[in-house]
Amino acid sequence: DINLRKAIMCAMNTSLALDYYRAGTASQIYWPMSKVSWAYPDGASADDNGKDYPQIGTWTEDIARTNIEKYMQEAGVSAGDSALKVTFTIAGSSLQDHPTYKVFRDAAALLNDLGWDVEVVCDTQALTKINTGSLEVWAAAWSSALDPDMYQVYHKDSTATSTLAWGYNHLKTSGSAEETKILNELSDLIDAARETNDQGKRTQLYQSAMEHVLDLAIELPVYQRSVLYAYNSNVIASSSLPTEAEMNPYSSPLDRIWEIEFAQ
């Protein structure tokens, strides 16, 4: 149920994932796209996506409780309902050895306090199960290509296994009228973005498409790791390296190795 998915998202305090990393080596992300992409909305902040979930940055338990109860009511369920039995799965062999563990742990505690039956487990076969769509709620790491084209990952006609991870098989065959409408509009926006080379227009279309991804409540953006490079300043001249603004996951210092100089 789309409302139950939204309720679960409301319970997630995604800022907890940053506790796993040293300060400055990861940051929160607010849209389902790499922050270094030209299509990522400029200046995106906690409230820019216009949703009451995720409560990124401004998350408080009181706000979360209010929204969870609202979505439970819209879904027509109450405490103890069988529909509220959910498993949160973390990919790997250790619960605590994952950035999202604290997010899941606290979300499960909050939901269970409201009458849900949520269990957090780890699964070494999770990545295989994700690609068959057999997991309910899961956490895993994703990487994005330089091209922000959303077709493969989010279009209803894509044959990529990522669409199974979102539960598209169920949505296309048994989804509600609301879910079908959102999925169709999302796919139309992706198609429209592929038909223009105007970067400004594509950026606007991608943002609308990402809003639909959040409306569908199939993915919750959590964090993005920083890319770090180490070098010996006694060997390499720092001034010959690319600037911080020029560095990103798609462009390493080795991309223009002929410009790098030895220290004098």
Protein backbone atom coordinates (compact mmCIF):
# COMPACT_ATOMS: atom_id res chain seq x y z
CA ASP A 1 0.00 0.00 0.00
CA ILE A 2 1.40 3.38 -1.01
CA ASN A 3 0.29 4.97 2.26
CA LEU A 4 2.08 2.34 4.33
CA ARG A 5 5.25 2.91 2.31
CA LYS A 6 4.95 6.62 3.06
CA ALA A 7 4.40 5.86 6.76
CA ILE A 8 7.60 3.80 6.84
CA MET A 9 9.52 6.62 5.16
CA CYS A 10 8.24 9.08 7.75
CA ALA A 11 9.80 6.91 10.47
CA MET A 12 13.27 7.11 8.94
CA ASN A 13 15.65 9.63 10.48
CA THR A 14 18.16 9.45 7.64
CA SER A 15 20.65 11.80 9.33
CA LEU A 16 21.62 8.86 11.55
CA ALA A 17 23.39 7.24 8.60
CA LEU A 18 26.07 9.93 8.74
CA ASP A 19 27.17 8.65 12.16
CA TYR A 20 28.85 5.79 10.32
CA TYR A 21 31.28 8.12 8.54
CA ARG A 22 33.95 10.54 9.66
CA ALA A 23 32.81 14.17 9.54
CA GLY A 24 32.86 15.53 6.02
CA THR A 25 33.14 12.18 4.24
CA ALA A 26 29.42 11.76 3.55
CA SER A 27 26.42 14.04 3.23
CA GLN A 28 22.65 13.72 3.19
CA ILE A 29 20.92 13.53 -0.14
CA TYR A 30 17.40 14.73 -0.84
CA TRP A 31 16.61 13.46 -4.35
CA PRO A 32 17.10 10.05 -6.01
CA MET A 33 20.08 11.16 -8.09
CA SER A 34 23.79 11.79 -7.57
CA LYS A 35 24.46 15.21 -6.06
CA VAL A 36 27.26 15.84 -8.55
CA SER A 37 24.97 15.39 -11.56
CA TRP A 38 24.08 18.52 -13.50
CA ALA A 39 20.46 17.41 -13.22
CA TYR A 40 20.42 17.39 -9.40
CA PRO A 41 18.25 20.36 -8.29
CA ASP A 42 20.37 23.39 -7.37
CA GLY A 43 20.53 24.16 -3.67
CA ALA A 44 18.30 21.22 -2.76
CA SER A 45 17.58 21.15 0.94
CA ALA A 46 15.52 19.15 3.39
CA ASP A 47 12.19 20.67 2.39
CA ASP A 48 12.63 21.26 -1.35
CA ASN A 49 10.99 18.04 -2.48
CA GLY A 50 7.71 19.17 -0.96
CA LYS A 51 6.99 15.90 0.86
CA ASP A 52 6.29 15.34 4.53
CA TYR A 53 8.63 12.40 4.08
CA PRO A 54 11.50 12.03 4.26
CA GLN A 55 11.87 14.34 7.25
CA ILE A 56 15.49 14.91 6.34
CA GLY A 57 17.24 17.55 8.38
CA THR A 58 14.03 18.64 10.10
CA TRP A 59 13.07 15.16 11.31
CA THR A 60 11.61 15.01 14.81
CA GLU A 61 9.84 12.10 16.44
CA ASP A 62 6.69 14.15 17.07
CA ILE A 63 6.40 15.13 13.41
CA ALA A 64 7.13 11.54 12.36
CA ARG A 65 4.44 10.13 14.66
CA THR A 66 1.84 12.56 13.36
CA ASN A 67 2.55 11.69 9.73
CA ILE A 68 2.76 7.94 10.37
CA GLU A 69 -0.64 7.97 12.07
CA LYS A 70 -2.06 10.04 9.20
CA TYR A 71 -0.87 7.53 6.59
CA MET A 72 -2.07 4.59 8.69
CA GLN A 73 -5.51 6.16 8.76
CA GLU A 74 -5.46 6.74 5.00
CA ALA A 75 -4.44 3.10 4.51
CA GLY A 76 -7.34 1.99 6.72
CA VAL A 77 -5.19 0.11 9.23
CA SER A 78 -4.77 0.30 12.98
CA ALA A 79 -2.31 -1.02 15.56
CA GLY A 80 -1.88 -4.78 15.37
CA ASP A 81 -3.15 -5.10 11.79
CA SER A 82 -1.41 -7.92 9.89
CA ALA A 83 -0.50 -5.45 7.13
CA LEU A 84 1.82 -3.75 9.62
CA LYS A 85 4.13 -6.77 9.90
CA VAL A 86 7.23 -5.75 7.94
CA THR A 87 10.84 -6.90 7.69
CA PHE A 88 13.66 -4.38 7.24
CA THR A 89 16.60 -6.09 5.53
CA ILE A 90 20.20 -4.92 5.53
CA ALA A 91 22.52 -6.40 2.91
CA GLY A 92 25.46 -8.22 4.48
CA SER A 93 26.33 -10.44 7.41
CA SER A 94 26.33 -7.83 10.19
CA LEU A 95 23.56 -5.45 11.18
CA GLN A 96 25.75 -2.82 12.76
CA ASP A 97 28.35 -2.84 9.99
CA HIS A 98 26.11 -0.79 7.71
CA PRO A 99 25.48 2.98 7.54
CA THR A 100 21.71 2.53 7.57
CA TYR A 101 21.52 0.30 10.64
CA LYS A 102 20.73 3.12 13.09
CA VAL A 103 18.11 4.51 10.69
CA PHE A 104 16.36 1.12 10.54
CA ARG A 105 16.79 0.43 14.25
CA ASP A 106 15.17 3.68 15.38
CA ALA A 107 12.47 3.55 12.69
CA ALA A 108 11.52 0.02 13.77
CA ALA A 109 11.32 1.10 17.42
CA LEU A 110 9.07 4.04 16.54
CA LEU A 111 6.76 2.02 14.29
CA ASN A 112 6.52 -0.82 16.81
CA ASP A 113 5.53 1.70 19.46
CA LEU A 114 2.65 2.66 17.17
CA GLY A 115 1.41 -0.91 16.82
CA TRP A 116 3.51 -2.22 13.96
CA ASP A 117 5.48 -5.48 13.97
CA VAL A 118 8.82 -4.54 12.41
CA GLU A 119 11.94 -6.71 12.53
CA VAL A 120 15.40 -5.61 11.38
CA VAL A 121 17.51 -8.42 9.93
CA CYS A 122 20.70 -8.85 7.91
CA ASP A 123 20.90 -11.14 4.90
CA THR A 124 23.99 -12.18 2.94
CA GLN A 125 21.73 -13.03 -0.02
CA ALA A 126 19.95 -9.66 0.05
CA LEU A 127 21.44 -8.34 -3.19
CA THR A 128 20.14 -11.38 -5.07
CA LYS A 129 16.73 -11.07 -3.44
CA ILE A 130 16.53 -7.35 -4.20
CA ASN A 131 16.82 -8.10 -7.91
CA THR A 132 13.84 -10.46 -7.72
CA GLY A 133 11.67 -8.03 -5.79
CA SER A 134 11.27 -10.43 -2.85
CA LEU A 135 12.29 -8.00 -0.08
CA GLU A 136 9.88 -5.57 1.58
CA VAL A 137 12.16 -2.81 2.90
CA TRP A 138 15.89 -2.98 2.32
CA ALA A 139 19.10 -0.96 2.39
CA ALA A 140 21.93 -1.31 -0.08
CA ALA A 141 24.42 0.93 -1.86
CA TRP A 142 23.85 2.19 -5.39
CA SER A 143 26.06 3.94 -7.91
CA SER A 144 24.92 6.26 -10.68
CA ALA A 145 26.23 6.72 -14.18
CA LEU A 146 27.37 10.15 -15.39
CA ASP A 147 24.33 10.37 -17.67
CA PRO A 148 21.30 11.15 -15.45
CA ASP A 149 18.87 9.36 -17.80
CA MET A 150 16.29 7.74 -15.50
CA TYR A 151 14.88 5.26 -18.03
CA GLN A 152 16.71 2.09 -17.00
CA VAL A 153 16.07 2.50 -13.28
CA TYR A 154 12.57 4.00 -13.13
CA HIS A 155 10.66 3.66 -16.41
CA LYS A 156 7.71 1.27 -16.36
CA ASP A 157 8.90 -0.41 -19.59
CA SER A 158 12.49 -0.91 -18.46
CA THR A 159 13.61 -4.52 -18.28
CA ALA A 160 16.37 -3.78 -15.75
CA THR A 161 16.29 -5.72 -12.48
CA SER A 162 16.19 -2.41 -10.60
CA THR A 163 12.50 -2.09 -11.48
CA LEU A 164 11.89 -5.42 -9.72
CA ALA A 165 13.57 -3.96 -6.64
CA TRP A 166 10.94 -1.19 -6.63
CA GLY A 167 8.14 -3.73 -6.91
CA TYR A 168 7.12 -2.67 -10.42
CA ASN A 169 5.79 -6.15 -11.23
CA HIS A 170 3.22 -5.73 -8.46
CA LEU A 171 2.52 -2.08 -9.25
CA LYS A 172 1.87 -2.78 -12.94
CA THR A 173 -0.42 -5.74 -12.31
CA SER A 174 -2.06 -4.99 -8.97
CA GLY A 175 -1.28 -1.37 -8.19
CA SER A 176 -3.95 1.07 -7.07
CA ALA A 177 -5.34 3.70 -9.41
CA GLU A 178 -3.11 6.27 -7.67
CA GLU A 179 0.01 4.14 -8.10
CA THR A 180 -0.76 3.44 -11.76
CA LYS A 181 -1.31 7.13 -12.44
CA ILE A 182 1.97 8.14 -10.80
CA LEU A 183 3.94 5.40 -12.58
CA ASN A 184 2.50 6.37 -15.97
CA GLU A 185 3.24 10.07 -15.41
CA LEU A 186 6.77 9.24 -14.21
CA SER A 187 7.44 7.23 -17.36
CA ASP A 188 6.03 10.00 -19.59
CA LEU A 189 8.34 12.54 -17.95
CA ILE A 190 11.35 10.28 -18.53
CA ASP A 191 10.34 9.88 -22.18
CA ALA A 192 9.98 13.65 -22.57
CA ALA A 193 13.44 14.25 -21.08
CA ARG A 194 14.94 11.83 -23.60
CA GLU A 195 13.44 13.76 -26.51
CA THR A 196 15.31 17.03 -25.92
CA ASN A 197 18.94 18.06 -25.83
CA ASP A 198 18.10 21.26 -23.97
CA GLN A 199 19.83 20.77 -20.62
CA GLY A 200 17.61 23.31 -18.86
CA LYS A 201 14.44 21.56 -20.01
CA ARG A 202 15.85 18.15 -19.15
CA THR A 203 16.75 19.35 -15.65
CA GLN A 204 13.16 20.51 -15.06
CA LEU A 205 11.74 17.26 -16.42
CA TYR A 206 14.09 15.15 -14.29
CA GLN A 207 13.11 17.08 -11.17
CA SER A 208 9.43 16.44 -11.91
CA ALA A 209 10.25 12.79 -12.52
CA MET A 210 12.10 12.54 -9.20
CA GLU A 211 9.10 14.09 -7.45
CA HIS A 212 7.03 11.24 -8.88
CA VAL A 213 9.56 8.68 -7.58
CA LEU A 214 9.08 10.17 -4.12
CA ASP A 215 5.29 10.29 -4.61
CA LEU A 216 5.35 6.60 -5.44
CA ALA A 217 7.35 6.03 -2.22
CA ILE A 218 9.57 3.34 -3.71
CA GLU A 219 12.92 4.87 -2.78
CA LEU A 220 14.18 6.98 0.10
CA PRO A 221 17.41 8.92 -0.60
CA VAL A 222 19.70 8.64 2.42
CA TYR A 223 23.33 9.71 1.94
CA GLN A 224 26.11 10.08 -0.59
CA ARG A 225 29.74 9.32 0.20
CA SER A 226 32.50 11.76 -0.67
CA VAL A 227 35.26 10.68 -3.01
CA LEU A 228 38.66 10.92 -1.35
CA TYR A 229 42.10 10.89 -2.96
CA ALA A 230 45.39 10.67 -1.07
CA TYR A 231 48.77 11.79 -2.37
CA ASN A 232 52.24 12.57 -1.07
CA SER A 233 52.85 16.33 -1.28
CA ASN A 234 56.60 15.64 -1.11
CA VAL A 235 56.27 13.87 -4.45
CA ILE A 236 53.30 15.55 -6.17
CA ALA A 237 52.89 19.32 -6.58
CA SER A 238 49.56 20.21 -5.01
CA SER A 239 49.08 23.16 -7.36
CA SER A 240 49.04 20.83 -10.36
CA LEU A 241 46.10 18.78 -9.11
CA PRO A 242 42.49 19.53 -10.11
CA THR A 243 40.62 21.86 -7.78
CA GLU A 244 38.01 20.53 -5.37
CA ALA A 245 35.28 21.91 -7.64
CA GLU A 246 36.70 19.97 -10.58
CA MET A 247 36.90 16.70 -8.66
CA ASN A 248 33.96 14.30 -8.59
CA PRO A 249 33.27 10.53 -8.74
CA TYR A 250 33.46 10.64 -12.53
CA SER A 251 36.73 12.56 -12.82
CA SER A 252 39.81 11.50 -10.85
CA PRO A 253 43.21 13.25 -10.80
CA LEU A 254 44.45 10.54 -13.16
CA ASP A 255 42.05 11.65 -15.91
CA ARG A 256 44.48 14.44 -16.80
CA ILE A 257 47.66 12.83 -15.55
CA TRP A 258 49.78 14.76 -18.07
CA GLU A 259 49.01 17.96 -16.14
CA ILE A 260 50.26 16.59 -12.79
CA GLU A 261 53.76 17.70 -11.85
CA PHE A 262 56.34 16.42 -9.43
CA ALA A 263 57.14 18.52 -6.39
CA GLN A 264 60.31 20.59 -6.77
